[in-house]
């Protein structure tokens, strides 16, 4: 997967592309906050290199169920395939 942010005039776009043959999803970014701005307002900022050692847990429960439109289902499948599947029996939440 390729994630690309682009800015043209007054709009910012996030594109999520699956290689090599697609699909490519495009999103308009309305608001964002930089990481340094978030750390500046925290009482105890957490900035650890260990946070990136394991993949994030992504929950897409009820995100594009059977009654959802086809483009929502495509978005759900794309986001689910970006991250490895979770084996509930072996996951360690303390990490």
Protein backbone atom coordinates (compact mmCIF):
# COMPACT_ATOMS: atom_id res chain seq x y z
CA UNK A 1 0.00 0.00 0.00
CA UNK A 2 1.09 3.54 -0.71
CA UNK A 3 -0.19 6.52 1.26
CA UNK A 4 0.39 9.94 -0.27
CA UNK A 5 -0.54 13.40 0.97
CA UNK A 6 -0.73 16.19 -1.59
CA UNK A 7 -1.62 19.85 -1.41
CA UNK A 8 -2.95 21.93 -4.28
CA UNK A 9 -4.03 25.51 -3.63
CA UNK A 10 -6.41 25.26 -0.67
CA UNK A 11 -7.16 21.53 -0.55
CA UNK A 12 -5.20 18.66 0.95
CA UNK A 13 -5.76 15.14 -0.33
CA UNK A 14 -4.83 11.72 1.08
CA UNK A 15 -4.55 8.91 -1.44
CA UNK A 16 -4.35 5.28 -0.43
CA UNK A 17 -3.19 3.08 -3.27
CA UNK A 18 -2.83 -0.66 -3.40
CA UNK A 19 0.05 -1.85 -5.52
CA UNK A 20 0.51 -3.09 -8.16
CA UNK A 21 -2.99 -2.98 -9.67
CA UNK A 22 -5.13 -0.81 -7.44
CA UNK A 23 -7.63 0.34 -6.34
CA UNK A 24 -6.74 3.88 -5.28
CA UNK A 25 -8.88 5.65 -2.69
CA UNK A 26 -8.90 9.45 -2.40
CA UNK A 27 -9.90 11.42 0.69
CA UNK A 28 -10.15 15.16 1.24
CA UNK A 29 -8.45 16.26 4.49
CA UNK A 30 -10.48 18.94 6.23
CA UNK A 31 -8.45 19.33 9.46
CA UNK A 32 -5.22 17.93 10.87
CA UNK A 33 -2.93 18.40 13.84
CA UNK A 34 0.83 17.91 13.87
CA UNK A 35 2.39 15.50 16.35
CA UNK A 36 4.50 18.25 17.89
CA UNK A 37 1.37 20.31 18.57
CA UNK A 38 -0.23 17.37 20.39
CA UNK A 39 2.91 16.74 22.48
CA UNK A 40 3.08 20.43 23.44
CA UNK A 41 -0.33 20.32 25.18
CA UNK A 42 0.12 16.95 26.92
CA UNK A 43 1.06 16.85 30.59
CA UNK A 44 3.28 13.79 30.11
CA UNK A 45 4.16 13.50 26.42
CA UNK A 46 4.76 9.94 25.24
CA UNK A 47 7.33 9.64 22.48
CA UNK A 48 8.86 6.22 22.21
CA UNK A 49 10.54 4.39 19.36
CA UNK A 50 9.09 1.15 20.79
CA UNK A 51 5.61 2.28 19.73
CA UNK A 52 6.51 1.43 16.12
CA UNK A 53 7.95 -2.04 16.78
CA UNK A 54 4.57 -3.80 16.50
CA UNK A 55 1.72 -3.13 14.07
CA UNK A 56 -1.27 -1.12 15.28
CA UNK A 57 -4.53 -2.78 16.25
CA UNK A 58 -7.18 -1.73 13.74
CA UNK A 59 -10.79 -2.51 14.52
CA UNK A 60 -13.24 -2.28 11.63
CA UNK A 61 -16.22 -3.84 13.34
CA UNK A 62 -19.51 -2.72 11.70
CA UNK A 63 -17.56 -0.65 9.20
CA UNK A 64 -19.20 -1.48 5.90
CA UNK A 65 -21.64 -4.24 6.86
CA UNK A 66 -23.93 -6.08 4.43
CA UNK A 67 -26.18 -3.04 3.91
CA UNK A 68 -23.32 -0.64 3.13
CA UNK A 69 -22.74 0.87 -0.28
CA UNK A 70 -20.10 -0.81 -2.51
CA UNK A 71 -17.60 2.04 -2.09
CA UNK A 72 -17.79 1.69 1.72
CA UNK A 73 -17.14 -2.05 1.45
CA UNK A 74 -14.13 -1.36 -0.79
CA UNK A 75 -12.80 1.12 1.77
CA UNK A 76 -13.21 -1.40 4.60
CA UNK A 77 -11.41 -4.15 2.70
CA UNK A 78 -8.57 -1.80 1.74
CA UNK A 79 -8.02 -0.67 5.34
CA UNK A 80 -8.24 -4.22 6.67
CA UNK A 81 -5.59 -5.42 4.20
CA UNK A 82 -3.16 -2.65 5.18
CA UNK A 83 -2.49 -4.29 8.55
CA UNK A 84 -1.90 -7.91 9.58
CA UNK A 85 -4.74 -9.97 10.98
CA UNK A 86 -4.99 -10.26 14.76
CA UNK A 87 -4.86 -13.64 16.45
CA UNK A 88 -6.87 -12.96 19.61
CA UNK A 89 -5.40 -15.96 21.39
CA UNK A 90 -1.78 -14.82 21.07
CA UNK A 91 -1.97 -11.02 21.12
CA UNK A 92 -0.23 -9.35 24.08
CA UNK A 93 -1.89 -6.07 24.94
CA UNK A 94 0.86 -5.09 27.40
CA UNK A 95 3.28 -4.39 24.52
